[in-house]
Each structure stands twice: as C-alpha cells, then as structure tokens.
C-alpha cells in the first residue's frame, strides 16, 4: 500500500483545556482498539489536515490529531489581535501532548511529525521516551539556531534573492536592513488591521516559495484565507524570534534518550527548508533511525514520492510496539 488511505471521519473529537485560557481541538480516527499514533503538525501554526489522517491504515491505527495552541480549531485563535501568545511555547506544547495522552487514556503511542512537527516530536520524545513506541519524521528539523537562521534570517535567500528582497521591501524603509523577523513580528501585532494583514501576506508569500520542488512562485492556496495567514505568520515569528525556546543543539545532544526507539526519517533531496544535513546530523546520534532520501522531492510532503514513504513507514510499524 503506497497510496493515501481513504478519507475517514473522526469517531471522537473535543476541546481540551490546557491552562492559560487555551482550549485545544483534538480528534481520533480509525480503529478505537488500534495502535495509538499521534500526529504533530508543522508551522508552527499550520493545524492538522485531512491529509494527515490518510497516512495511516484506519483498520490498524487509533489516529490522534490535534491543533497546537492558537491555531486550527484551537482557541483563542492567533488571528484575533487580542490573543496573547505569551504561553505558546515549546515547553507548554510538550505538556499539552502529555495532557492529551492522559485524557485519552493512552499508555504509549507512535509519534509522527513533519517540519516544525519533527522538532516538536523530538523534544517530546526526548522528554517522555517511555511513552513513545516509534517515531516517523519528515522534512526533518532539530531546532538548532542555524536551522532557523537558514530559513528566516537570510540563509536560503542566496537561492531566492528576488523573493527575499520582496520580503524586505514590504517593510518600512528603516527596518529593511535590520532583523527581518523582529520587524515582521512587530507589524503582525500592529493595532491597524490593514498593516497586520499586509505583513501576513508578505510573510506568507515568502513562506510559499521554498516548500515545493521545483520552487513555487505564487502564494500557496492555504494562505489565501486571511485569518489562517495572519495566525500562521504571528505564531511562526513568535517562535522564530525565540529560537523555539530551545538551547542551541540540545535535541542533538539529547538524542541518547531515543536509544530504545526505532525511527524512520523521510527527506527530499531538494528540501530547501530543511536540508538533508539536518536529518543526517540526527541520524549520526540516533543509531536506530533509518533515513530515506527522496531524490525528486523538496519539503512538500504531499509530493507523491514522500507520501509513499510515509505510508510505507506507518504500514511497517502498524503491528509493532504497544
């Protein structure tokens, strides 16, 4: 089986209170008696999609999806200007995952995450390795400063100078030679809604360039919803300016906690957001992880060749673990 599994609807869903006034949307799909599997979406701020559900055999898995704080169907939503993101940080997301596991009365589960979701998966698994049966990662990122700087502080701009200059040009003249992330963070929290939306559009236009291979030249369809775009841009810049509250290199140094966990990492050869070197560095310190490199793909996991490998991985683990 290498095609997406058929579309399924959740058999249960709800809102979980996690403190600080936050309610997380969660859903479970597939077989209530199946192998538990948790999906961690990217962004940060993307939210889960129907596509994530279809990576798993619904007869074999109890699939758990949730929208991380302030995005998707979770509330309060980051598109609202008065939504305070102060409590939205990596440590609290890890605590949210544990609270959800306990709420659903799951002992151990497989964890799947892509892009930002791979960083969050690693952070969670290193903290709670006794709760993780296997890990599947794609578009692998490990939360190091050079990884954030590559994408958001001018690194990959050497390949896209025109698009990077466009991102800079959308800022006030005084901010164009400063720290781009800080300038956009300020504009995305401006009291004028027109300024907020203009900043979100410029930021998301930049975010649209690098996932696909060959690269895209238009705004990604997901960003055409202004509320989605604003929430996404606010949450991403919030995390990037703080380097996700992770000590530089800590997830690589802490990979010894994964020694008893089998993993599969899937990365496109031409992933411009998460170059293969990030996954390769992780593989060096995580011997039980297999790295699958897709020669004709970039960062976009909906590419058929990446999707096939992710489904092959979930099929491989369907009968193993708890």
C-alpha atoms as a PDB file:
ATOM      1  CA  UNK A   1       0.000   0.000   0.000  1.00  0.00           C
ATOM      2  CA  UNK A   2       1.636   3.256  -1.136  1.00  0.00           C
ATOM      3  CA  UNK A   3      -1.377   5.403  -1.987  1.00  0.00           C
ATOM      4  CA  UNK A   4      -3.142   7.539   0.575  1.00  0.00           C
ATOM      5  CA  UNK A   5      -5.650   5.621   2.625  1.00  0.00           C
ATOM      6  CA  UNK A   6      -9.318   6.521   2.006  1.00  0.00           C
ATOM      7  CA  UNK A   7     -10.752   9.607   3.646  1.00  0.00           C
ATOM      8  CA  UNK A   8     -12.093   8.907   7.133  1.00  0.00           C
ATOM      9  CA  UNK A   9     -14.038  10.982   9.616  1.00  0.00           C
ATOM     10  CA  UNK A  10     -13.236  11.219  13.328  1.00  0.00           C
ATOM     11  CA  UNK A  11     -15.170   8.917  15.618  1.00  0.00           C
ATOM     12  CA  UNK A  12     -14.493  11.262  18.549  1.00  0.00           C
ATOM     13  CA  UNK A  13     -13.386  14.847  18.997  1.00  0.00           C
ATOM     14  CA  UNK A  14     -13.404  17.560  21.598  1.00  0.00           C
ATOM     15  CA  UNK A  15     -11.753  20.579  23.171  1.00  0.00           C
ATOM     16  CA  UNK A  16      -9.162  20.004  25.888  1.00  0.00           C
ATOM     17  CA  UNK A  17      -8.458  22.700  28.459  1.00  0.00           C
ATOM     18  CA  UNK A  18      -4.702  23.063  28.931  1.00  0.00           C
ATOM     19  CA  UNK A  19      -4.459  26.201  31.048  1.00  0.00           C
ATOM     20  CA  UNK A  20      -3.732  29.851  30.329  1.00  0.00           C
ATOM     21  CA  UNK A  21      -7.228  30.113  28.822  1.00  0.00           C
ATOM     22  CA  UNK A  22      -6.333  27.719  25.982  1.00  0.00           C
ATOM     23  CA  UNK A  23      -8.601  25.037  24.553  1.00  0.00           C
ATOM     24  CA  UNK A  24      -7.035  22.507  22.154  1.00  0.00           C
ATOM     25  CA  UNK A  25      -9.068  20.845  19.434  1.00  0.00           C
ATOM     26  CA  UNK A  26      -8.397  17.101  19.225  1.00  0.00           C
ATOM     27  CA  UNK A  27      -9.839  14.216  17.238  1.00  0.00           C
ATOM     28  CA  UNK A  28      -9.415  10.462  16.992  1.00  0.00           C
ATOM     29  CA  UNK A  29      -9.904   8.452  13.804  1.00  0.00           C
ATOM     30  CA  UNK A  30      -9.587   4.879  12.625  1.00  0.00           C
ATOM     31  CA  UNK A  31      -9.851   1.868  14.912  1.00  0.00           C
ATOM     32  CA  UNK A  32     -10.582   2.667  18.597  1.00  0.00           C
ATOM     33  CA  UNK A  33      -8.759  -0.553  19.505  1.00  0.00           C
ATOM     34  CA  UNK A  34      -5.869   0.004  17.127  1.00  0.00           C
ATOM     35  CA  UNK A  35      -2.263   1.026  17.700  1.00  0.00           C
ATOM     36  CA  UNK A  36      -2.204   4.619  19.014  1.00  0.00           C
ATOM     37  CA  UNK A  37      -0.458   7.160  16.782  1.00  0.00           C
ATOM     38  CA  UNK A  38      -0.070  10.898  17.367  1.00  0.00           C
ATOM     39  CA  UNK A  39       0.317  13.448  14.559  1.00  0.00           C
ATOM     40  CA  UNK A  40       2.234  16.686  15.185  1.00  0.00           C
ATOM     41  CA  UNK A  41       1.606  19.294  12.514  1.00  0.00           C
ATOM     42  CA  UNK A  42       4.087  21.836  11.257  1.00  0.00           C
ATOM     43  CA  UNK A  43       4.276  25.589  11.063  1.00  0.00           C
ATOM     44  CA  UNK A  44       4.280  26.193  13.937  1.00  0.00           C
ATOM     45  CA  UNK A  45       0.700  27.266  13.409  1.00  0.00           C
ATOM     46  CA  UNK A  46      -0.409  25.170  10.442  1.00  0.00           C
ATOM     47  CA  UNK A  47      -3.007  22.973  12.127  1.00  0.00           C
ATOM     48  CA  UNK A  48      -3.843  19.381  11.242  1.00  0.00           C
ATOM     49  CA  UNK A  49      -5.457  18.397   7.953  1.00  0.00           C
ATOM     50  CA  UNK A  50      -7.418  15.523   6.432  1.00  0.00           C
ATOM     51  CA  UNK A  51      -4.223  14.538   4.617  1.00  0.00           C
ATOM     52  CA  UNK A  52      -2.572  13.623   7.928  1.00  0.00           C
ATOM     53  CA  UNK A  53      -5.344  11.120   8.702  1.00  0.00           C
ATOM     54  CA  UNK A  54      -4.797   9.349   5.393  1.00  0.00           C
ATOM     55  CA  UNK A  55      -1.194   8.373   6.146  1.00  0.00           C
ATOM     56  CA  UNK A  56      -2.402   5.549   8.402  1.00  0.00           C
ATOM     57  CA  UNK A  57      -4.282   2.297   7.855  1.00  0.00           C
ATOM     58  CA  UNK A  58      -7.559   3.098   9.640  1.00  0.00           C
ATOM     59  CA  UNK A  59      -8.094  -0.591  10.437  1.00  0.00           C
ATOM     60  CA  UNK A  60      -4.746  -0.806  12.242  1.00  0.00           C
ATOM     61  CA  UNK A  61      -4.377   2.554  13.957  1.00  0.00           C
ATOM     62  CA  UNK A  62      -6.088   4.738  16.505  1.00  0.00           C
ATOM     63  CA  UNK A  63      -5.022   8.058  14.964  1.00  0.00           C
ATOM     64  CA  UNK A  64      -4.844  11.115  17.219  1.00  0.00           C
ATOM     65  CA  UNK A  65      -4.629  14.598  15.756  1.00  0.00           C
ATOM     66  CA  UNK A  66      -4.758  17.970  17.489  1.00  0.00           C
ATOM     67  CA  UNK A  67      -4.285  21.609  16.625  1.00  0.00           C
ATOM     68  CA  UNK A  68      -1.472  23.186  18.635  1.00  0.00           C
ATOM     69  CA  UNK A  69      -2.146  26.290  20.691  1.00  0.00           C
ATOM     70  CA  UNK A  70      -3.836  29.242  18.973  1.00  0.00           C
ATOM     71  CA  UNK A  71      -4.176  27.689  15.502  1.00  0.00           C
ATOM     72  CA  UNK A  72      -6.546  25.479  13.525  1.00  0.00           C
ATOM     73  CA  UNK A  73      -9.662  24.858  15.574  1.00  0.00           C
ATOM     74  CA  UNK A  74      -7.991  25.574  18.920  1.00  0.00           C
ATOM     75  CA  UNK A  75      -8.922  28.718  20.812  1.00  0.00           C
ATOM     76  CA  UNK A  76      -8.239  31.542  21.300  1.00  0.00           C
ATOM     77  CA  UNK A  77      -7.090  31.880  17.679  1.00  0.00           C
ATOM     78  CA  UNK A  78      -3.960  33.829  16.792  1.00  0.00           C
ATOM     79  CA  UNK A  79      -5.795  35.691  14.027  1.00  0.00           C
ATOM     80  CA  UNK A  80      -7.541  37.723  16.752  1.00  0.00           C
ATOM     81  CA  UNK A  81      -5.352  40.722  17.597  1.00  0.00           C
ATOM     82  CA  UNK A  82      -6.029  40.420  21.321  1.00  0.00           C
ATOM     83  CA  UNK A  83      -4.884  36.791  21.502  1.00  0.00           C
ATOM     84  CA  UNK A  84      -1.813  36.763  23.719  1.00  0.00           C
ATOM     85  CA  UNK A  85       0.797  34.237  22.581  1.00  0.00           C
ATOM     86  CA  UNK A  86       2.918  34.516  25.735  1.00  0.00           C
ATOM     87  CA  UNK A  87       2.056  30.988  26.902  1.00  0.00           C
ATOM     88  CA  UNK A  88       2.540  29.461  23.454  1.00  0.00           C
ATOM     89  CA  UNK A  89       5.995  27.918  23.687  1.00  0.00           C
ATOM     90  CA  UNK A  90       7.673  24.562  23.191  1.00  0.00           C
ATOM     91  CA  UNK A  91       7.628  23.531  26.848  1.00  0.00           C
ATOM     92  CA  UNK A  92       3.890  24.128  27.048  1.00  0.00           C
ATOM     93  CA  UNK A  93       3.272  22.222  23.797  1.00  0.00           C
ATOM     94  CA  UNK A  94       5.113  19.222  25.255  1.00  0.00           C
ATOM     95  CA  UNK A  95       2.953  19.475  28.370  1.00  0.00           C
ATOM     96  CA  UNK A  96      -0.153  19.739  26.156  1.00  0.00           C
ATOM     97  CA  UNK A  97       0.774  16.496  24.401  1.00  0.00           C
ATOM     98  CA  UNK A  98       1.124  14.683  27.704  1.00  0.00           C
ATOM     99  CA  UNK A  99      -2.183  16.097  28.924  1.00  0.00           C
ATOM    100  CA  UNK A 100      -3.870  14.858  25.757  1.00  0.00           C
ATOM    101  CA  UNK A 101      -2.309  11.402  26.118  1.00  0.00           C
ATOM    102  CA  UNK A 102      -3.593  11.139  29.659  1.00  0.00           C
ATOM    103  CA  UNK A 103      -7.020  12.477  28.671  1.00  0.00           C
ATOM    104  CA  UNK A 104      -7.341   9.773  26.018  1.00  0.00           C
ATOM    105  CA  UNK A 105      -6.002   7.122  28.410  1.00  0.00           C
ATOM    106  CA  UNK A 106      -3.207   6.095  26.054  1.00  0.00           C
ATOM    107  CA  UNK A 107      -0.147   4.451  27.581  1.00  0.00           C
ATOM    108  CA  UNK A 108       2.283   4.686  24.640  1.00  0.00           C
ATOM    109  CA  UNK A 109       1.990   5.853  21.069  1.00  0.00           C
ATOM    110  CA  UNK A 110       3.812   6.210  17.784  1.00  0.00           C
ATOM    111  CA  UNK A 111       4.665   9.857  17.079  1.00  0.00           C
ATOM    112  CA  UNK A 112       4.696  11.291  13.544  1.00  0.00           C
ATOM    113  CA  UNK A 113       5.781  14.849  12.826  1.00  0.00           C
ATOM    114  CA  UNK A 114       6.908  16.910   9.865  1.00  0.00           C
ATOM    115  CA  UNK A 115       8.896  20.145   9.578  1.00  0.00           C
ATOM    116  CA  UNK A 116       8.280  22.036  12.852  1.00  0.00           C
ATOM    117  CA  UNK A 117       6.351  18.937  13.917  1.00  0.00           C
ATOM    118  CA  UNK A 118       9.570  16.922  13.683  1.00  0.00           C
ATOM    119  CA  UNK A 119      11.316  19.301  16.098  1.00  0.00           C
ATOM    120  CA  UNK A 120       8.363  19.074  18.482  1.00  0.00           C
ATOM    121  CA  UNK A 121       8.298  15.275  18.128  1.00  0.00           C
ATOM    122  CA  UNK A 122      11.975  15.069  19.066  1.00  0.00           C
ATOM    123  CA  UNK A 123      11.547  17.415  22.014  1.00  0.00           C
ATOM    124  CA  UNK A 124       8.579  15.401  23.275  1.00  0.00           C
ATOM    125  CA  UNK A 125      10.215  12.008  22.725  1.00  0.00           C
ATOM    126  CA  UNK A 126      13.425  13.019  24.475  1.00  0.00           C
ATOM    127  CA  UNK A 127      11.405  14.236  27.468  1.00  0.00           C
ATOM    128  CA  UNK A 128       8.975  11.305  27.515  1.00  0.00           C
ATOM    129  CA  UNK A 129      10.797   8.438  25.795  1.00  0.00           C
ATOM    130  CA  UNK A 130       8.900   5.879  27.873  1.00  0.00           C
ATOM    131  CA  UNK A 131       5.676   6.993  26.163  1.00  0.00           C
ATOM    132  CA  UNK A 132       6.888   6.644  22.558  1.00  0.00           C
ATOM    133  CA  UNK A 133       6.869   3.366  20.621  1.00  0.00           C
ATOM    134  CA  UNK A 134       8.299   4.599  17.294  1.00  0.00           C
ATOM    135  CA  UNK A 135       8.959   7.931  15.574  1.00  0.00           C
ATOM    136  CA  UNK A 136       8.339   8.928  11.952  1.00  0.00           C
ATOM    137  CA  UNK A 137       9.745  12.287  10.837  1.00  0.00           C
ATOM    138  CA  UNK A 138       9.692  14.125   7.528  1.00  0.00           C
ATOM    139  CA  UNK A 139      11.202  17.425   6.421  1.00  0.00           C
ATOM    140  CA  UNK A 140      13.432  16.971   9.460  1.00  0.00           C
ATOM    141  CA  UNK A 141      14.370  19.924  11.656  1.00  0.00           C
ATOM    142  CA  UNK A 142      16.087  19.735  15.037  1.00  0.00           C
ATOM    143  CA  UNK A 143      15.617  23.245  16.427  1.00  0.00           C
ATOM    144  CA  UNK A 144      19.180  24.487  16.084  1.00  0.00           C
ATOM    145  CA  UNK A 145      19.798  28.183  15.614  1.00  0.00           C
ATOM    146  CA  UNK A 146      21.467  27.728  12.261  1.00  0.00           C
ATOM    147  CA  UNK A 147      18.346  25.947  11.015  1.00  0.00           C
ATOM    148  CA  UNK A 148      16.120  28.872  11.976  1.00  0.00           C
ATOM    149  CA  UNK A 149      18.656  31.324  10.539  1.00  0.00           C
ATOM    150  CA  UNK A 150      18.845  29.399   7.275  1.00  0.00           C
ATOM    151  CA  UNK A 151      15.162  29.878   6.547  1.00  0.00           C
ATOM    152  CA  UNK A 152      14.288  33.106   8.337  1.00  0.00           C
ATOM    153  CA  UNK A 153      17.429  35.185   8.671  1.00  0.00           C
ATOM    154  CA  UNK A 154      18.735  35.209   5.127  1.00  0.00           C
ATOM    155  CA  UNK A 155      20.449  31.840   4.646  1.00  0.00           C
ATOM    156  CA  UNK A 156      18.313  30.357   1.892  1.00  0.00           C
ATOM    157  CA  UNK A 157      17.958  33.862   0.443  1.00  0.00           C
ATOM    158  CA  UNK A 158      21.144  33.184  -1.509  1.00  0.00           C
ATOM    159  CA  UNK A 159      18.957  30.941  -3.698  1.00  0.00           C
ATOM    160  CA  UNK A 160      15.991  33.346  -3.770  1.00  0.00           C
ATOM    161  CA  UNK A 161      17.391  36.896  -3.730  1.00  0.00           C
ATOM    162  CA  UNK A 162      14.423  38.347  -5.625  1.00  0.00           C
ATOM    163  CA  UNK A 163      11.858  36.910  -3.213  1.00  0.00           C
ATOM    164  CA  UNK A 164      13.937  37.865  -0.159  1.00  0.00           C
ATOM    165  CA  UNK A 165      14.247  41.444  -1.407  1.00  0.00           C
ATOM    166  CA  UNK A 166      10.477  41.490  -1.882  1.00  0.00           C
ATOM    167  CA  UNK A 167      10.044  40.418   1.751  1.00  0.00           C
ATOM    168  CA  UNK A 168      12.378  43.207   2.862  1.00  0.00           C
ATOM    169  CA  UNK A 169      10.764  45.777   0.579  1.00  0.00           C
ATOM    170  CA  UNK A 170       7.371  45.213   2.228  1.00  0.00           C
ATOM    171  CA  UNK A 171       8.825  46.609   5.477  1.00  0.00           C
ATOM    172  CA  UNK A 172       9.174  50.283   6.387  1.00  0.00           C
ATOM    173  CA  UNK A 173      12.451  51.623   4.997  1.00  0.00           C
ATOM    174  CA  UNK A 174      14.003  51.915   8.449  1.00  0.00           C
ATOM    175  CA  UNK A 175      13.529  48.180   9.082  1.00  0.00           C
ATOM    176  CA  UNK A 176      14.815  46.747   5.820  1.00  0.00           C
ATOM    177  CA  UNK A 177      18.412  46.341   6.917  1.00  0.00           C
ATOM    178  CA  UNK A 178      17.562  45.135  10.408  1.00  0.00           C
ATOM    179  CA  UNK A 179      16.377  41.803  11.778  1.00  0.00           C
ATOM    180  CA  UNK A 180      13.538  40.806   9.453  1.00  0.00           C
ATOM    181  CA  UNK A 181      11.820  38.523  11.950  1.00  0.00           C
ATOM    182  CA  UNK A 182      11.631  41.221  14.624  1.00  0.00           C
ATOM    183  CA  UNK A 183      10.235  43.763  12.167  1.00  0.00           C
ATOM    184  CA  UNK A 184       7.532  41.403  10.952  1.00  0.00           C
ATOM    185  CA  UNK A 185       6.674  40.349  14.482  1.00  0.00           C
ATOM    186  CA  UNK A 186       6.007  43.994  15.317  1.00  0.00           C
ATOM    187  CA  UNK A 187       3.873  44.602  12.205  1.00  0.00           C
ATOM    188  CA  UNK A 188       1.879  41.412  12.723  1.00  0.00           C
ATOM    189  CA  UNK A 189       0.912  42.725  16.156  1.00  0.00           C
ATOM    190  CA  UNK A 190       0.195  46.292  14.995  1.00  0.00           C
ATOM    191  CA  UNK A 191      -3.121  47.853  16.106  1.00  0.00           C
ATOM    192  CA  UNK A 192      -4.050  48.664  12.484  1.00  0.00           C
ATOM    193  CA  UNK A 193      -5.692  45.569  10.893  1.00  0.00           C
ATOM    194  CA  UNK A 194      -4.620  46.629   7.384  1.00  0.00           C
ATOM    195  CA  UNK A 195      -0.972  46.719   8.451  1.00  0.00           C
ATOM    196  CA  UNK A 196      -1.305  43.309  10.140  1.00  0.00           C
ATOM    197  CA  UNK A 197      -2.848  41.743   7.051  1.00  0.00           C
ATOM    198  CA  UNK A 198      -0.334  43.285   4.664  1.00  0.00           C
ATOM    199  CA  UNK A 199       2.503  41.922   6.793  1.00  0.00           C
ATOM    200  CA  UNK A 200       0.890  38.481   6.901  1.00  0.00           C
ATOM    201  CA  UNK A 201       0.541  38.426   3.124  1.00  0.00           C
ATOM    202  CA  UNK A 202       4.188  39.388   2.599  1.00  0.00           C
ATOM    203  CA  UNK A 203       5.407  36.844   5.136  1.00  0.00           C
ATOM    204  CA  UNK A 204       3.275  34.015   3.750  1.00  0.00           C
ATOM    205  CA  UNK A 205       4.325  34.857   0.188  1.00  0.00           C
ATOM    206  CA  UNK A 206       7.910  34.208   1.295  1.00  0.00           C
ATOM    207  CA  UNK A 207       6.838  31.012   3.081  1.00  0.00           C
ATOM    208  CA  UNK A 208       5.240  29.828  -0.184  1.00  0.00           C
ATOM    209  CA  UNK A 209       8.484  29.938  -2.166  1.00  0.00           C
ATOM    210  CA  UNK A 210      10.581  27.129  -0.729  1.00  0.00           C
ATOM    211  CA  UNK A 211       8.470  24.027   0.128  1.00  0.00           C
ATOM    212  CA  UNK A 212       7.881  22.650  -3.368  1.00  0.00           C
ATOM    213  CA  UNK A 213      10.395  21.257  -5.838  1.00  0.00           C
ATOM    214  CA  UNK A 214      10.645  22.875  -8.314  1.00  0.00           C
ATOM    215  CA  UNK A 215      10.085  26.022  -6.232  1.00  0.00           C
ATOM    216  CA  UNK A 216       6.727  27.805  -6.343  1.00  0.00           C
ATOM    217  CA  UNK A 217       6.266  31.390  -7.489  1.00  0.00           C
ATOM    218  CA  UNK A 218       2.760  32.132  -6.230  1.00  0.00           C
ATOM    219  CA  UNK A 219       1.033  32.362  -2.878  1.00  0.00           C
ATOM    220  CA  UNK A 220       0.240  28.880  -1.566  1.00  0.00           C
ATOM    221  CA  UNK A 221      -3.518  28.167  -1.591  1.00  0.00           C
ATOM    222  CA  UNK A 222      -3.535  27.588   2.164  1.00  0.00           C
ATOM    223  CA  UNK A 223      -2.549  31.224   2.749  1.00  0.00           C
ATOM    224  CA  UNK A 224      -5.473  32.662   0.765  1.00  0.00           C
ATOM    225  CA  UNK A 225      -7.568  32.599   3.926  1.00  0.00           C
ATOM    226  CA  UNK A 226      -6.579  35.877   5.658  1.00  0.00           C
ATOM    227  CA  UNK A 227      -7.322  34.526   9.160  1.00  0.00           C
ATOM    228  CA  UNK A 228      -5.170  31.453   8.548  1.00  0.00           C
ATOM    229  CA  UNK A 229      -2.332  33.552   7.109  1.00  0.00           C
ATOM    230  CA  UNK A 230      -2.323  36.009   9.999  1.00  0.00           C
ATOM    231  CA  UNK A 231      -2.407  33.312  12.671  1.00  0.00           C
ATOM    232  CA  UNK A 232       0.326  31.327  10.921  1.00  0.00           C
ATOM    233  CA  UNK A 233       2.606  34.337  10.493  1.00  0.00           C
ATOM    234  CA  UNK A 234       2.087  35.515  14.089  1.00  0.00           C
ATOM    235  CA  UNK A 235       2.886  32.088  15.552  1.00  0.00           C
ATOM    236  CA  UNK A 236       5.882  31.414  13.293  1.00  0.00           C
ATOM    237  CA  UNK A 237       7.538  34.751  14.008  1.00  0.00           C
ATOM    238  CA  UNK A 238       6.772  34.316  17.720  1.00  0.00           C
ATOM    239  CA  UNK A 239       8.669  31.010  17.708  1.00  0.00           C
ATOM    240  CA  UNK A 240      11.493  32.053  15.383  1.00  0.00           C
ATOM    241  CA  UNK A 241      12.421  35.173  17.333  1.00  0.00           C
ATOM    242  CA  UNK A 242      12.827  32.986  20.437  1.00  0.00           C
ATOM    243  CA  UNK A 243      14.523  30.084  18.596  1.00  0.00           C
ATOM    244  CA  UNK A 244      11.596  27.996  19.874  1.00  0.00           C
ATOM    245  CA  UNK A 245      12.942  28.374  23.441  1.00  0.00           C
ATOM    246  CA  UNK A 246      15.396  25.546  22.761  1.00  0.00           C
ATOM    247  CA  UNK A 247      19.011  25.644  23.839  1.00  0.00           C
ATOM    248  CA  UNK A 248      21.095  25.539  20.689  1.00  0.00           C
ATOM    249  CA  UNK A 249      21.830  21.939  19.701  1.00  0.00           C
ATOM    250  CA  UNK A 250      20.026  20.487  22.718  1.00  0.00           C
ATOM    251  CA  UNK A 251      17.937  17.993  20.738  1.00  0.00           C
ATOM    252  CA  UNK A 252      21.013  16.585  19.005  1.00  0.00           C
ATOM    253  CA  UNK A 253      22.884  16.351  22.315  1.00  0.00           C
ATOM    254  CA  UNK A 254      19.867  14.758  23.972  1.00  0.00           C
ATOM    255  CA  UNK A 255      19.324  12.092  21.313  1.00  0.00           C
ATOM    256  CA  UNK A 256      20.657   9.425  23.641  1.00  0.00           C
ATOM    257  CA  UNK A 257      17.151   9.375  25.107  1.00  0.00           C
ATOM    258  CA  UNK A 258      15.984   7.891  21.775  1.00  0.00           C
ATOM    259  CA  UNK A 259      18.327   4.898  22.000  1.00  0.00           C
ATOM    260  CA  UNK A 260      15.465   2.473  22.597  1.00  0.00           C
ATOM    261  CA  UNK A 261      13.165   3.941  19.937  1.00  0.00           C
ATOM    262  CA  UNK A 262      13.111   2.905  16.285  1.00  0.00           C
ATOM    263  CA  UNK A 263      12.624   5.716  13.797  1.00  0.00           C
ATOM    264  CA  UNK A 264      12.203   6.441  10.111  1.00  0.00           C
ATOM    265  CA  UNK A 265      13.095   9.844   8.673  1.00  0.00           C
ATOM    266  CA  UNK A 266      11.977  10.879   5.195  1.00  0.00           C
ATOM    267  CA  UNK A 267      13.609  13.881   3.500  1.00  0.00           C
ATOM    268  CA  UNK A 268      13.541  15.279  -0.004  1.00  0.00           C
ATOM    269  CA  UNK A 269      16.921  15.637  -1.697  1.00  0.00           C
ATOM    270  CA  UNK A 270      15.919  19.178  -2.691  1.00  0.00           C
ATOM    271  CA  UNK A 271      14.322  20.191   0.598  1.00  0.00           C
ATOM    272  CA  UNK A 272      15.234  23.870   0.741  1.00  0.00           C
ATOM    273  CA  UNK A 273      13.552  24.468   4.102  1.00  0.00           C
ATOM    274  CA  UNK A 274      15.116  21.502   5.868  1.00  0.00           C
ATOM    275  CA  UNK A 275      18.283  20.452   4.011  1.00  0.00           C
ATOM    276  CA  UNK A 276      19.211  16.772   4.342  1.00  0.00           C
ATOM    277  CA  UNK A 277      22.167  17.686   6.554  1.00  0.00           C
ATOM    278  CA  UNK A 278      19.781  18.362   9.439  1.00  0.00           C
ATOM    279  CA  UNK A 279      18.456  14.773   9.272  1.00  0.00           C
ATOM    280  CA  UNK A 280      21.943  13.388   8.662  1.00  0.00           C
ATOM    281  CA  UNK A 281      23.254  15.020  11.824  1.00  0.00           C
ATOM    282  CA  UNK A 282      20.382  13.471  13.775  1.00  0.00           C
ATOM    283  CA  UNK A 283      20.966  10.039  12.255  1.00  0.00           C
ATOM    284  CA  UNK A 284      24.577  10.110  13.481  1.00  0.00           C
ATOM    285  CA  UNK A 285      23.409  10.264  17.086  1.00  0.00           C
ATOM    286  CA  UNK A 286      20.293   8.107  16.721  1.00  0.00           C
ATOM    287  CA  UNK A 287      21.513   4.699  15.507  1.00  0.00           C
ATOM    288  CA  UNK A 288      18.043   3.119  15.365  1.00  0.00           C
ATOM    289  CA  UNK A 289      16.803   5.700  12.877  1.00  0.00           C
ATOM    290  CA  UNK A 290      16.648   4.975   9.159  1.00  0.00           C
ATOM    291  CA  UNK A 291      16.980   7.922   6.755  1.00  0.00           C
ATOM    292  CA  UNK A 292      15.101   7.660   3.463  1.00  0.00           C
ATOM    293  CA  UNK A 293      16.168  10.290   0.917  1.00  0.00           C
ATOM    294  CA  UNK A 294      13.737  11.098  -1.907  1.00  0.00           C
ATOM    295  CA  UNK A 295      15.715  12.265  -4.915  1.00  0.00           C
ATOM    296  CA  UNK A 296      12.889  14.024  -6.768  1.00  0.00           C
ATOM    297  CA  UNK A 297      11.271  15.919  -3.884  1.00  0.00           C
ATOM    298  CA  UNK A 298      11.584  19.035  -1.738  1.00  0.00           C
ATOM    299  CA  UNK A 299       9.943  19.933   1.565  1.00  0.00           C
ATOM    300  CA  UNK A 300       6.333  19.465   0.492  1.00  0.00           C
ATOM    301  CA  UNK A 301       5.274  16.148   2.000  1.00  0.00           C
ATOM    302  CA  UNK A 302       2.186  15.953  -0.199  1.00  0.00           C
ATOM    303  CA  UNK A 303       4.519  15.091  -3.098  1.00  0.00           C
ATOM    304  CA  UNK A 304       3.649  11.549  -4.125  1.00  0.00           C
ATOM    305  CA  UNK A 305       7.122  10.127  -3.529  1.00  0.00           C
ATOM    306  CA  UNK A 306       7.298  11.434   0.058  1.00  0.00           C
ATOM    307  CA  UNK A 307       3.724  10.385   0.802  1.00  0.00           C
ATOM    308  CA  UNK A 308       4.527   6.856  -0.389  1.00  0.00           C
ATOM    309  CA  UNK A 309       7.449   6.559   2.018  1.00  0.00           C
ATOM    310  CA  UNK A 310       5.438   7.893   4.940  1.00  0.00           C
ATOM    311  CA  UNK A 311       2.697   5.340   4.308  1.00  0.00           C
ATOM    312  CA  UNK A 312       5.313   2.621   3.919  1.00  0.00           C
ATOM    313  CA  UNK A 313       6.653   3.651   7.341  1.00  0.00           C
ATOM    314  CA  UNK A 314       3.242   3.626   9.064  1.00  0.00           C
ATOM    315  CA  UNK A 315       2.483   0.268   7.472  1.00  0.00           C
ATOM    316  CA  UNK A 316       5.803  -1.108   8.718  1.00  0.00           C
ATOM    317  CA  UNK A 317       5.037  -0.058  12.292  1.00  0.00           C
ATOM    318  CA  UNK A 318       1.349  -0.981  12.221  1.00  0.00           C
ATOM    319  CA  UNK A 319       1.769  -4.241  14.094  1.00  0.00           C
ATOM    320  CA  UNK A 320       4.760  -3.354  16.259  1.00  0.00           C
ATOM    321  CA  UNK A 321       5.044  -1.633  19.633  1.00  0.00           C
ATOM    322  CA  UNK A 322       2.250  -1.097  22.100  1.00  0.00           C
END
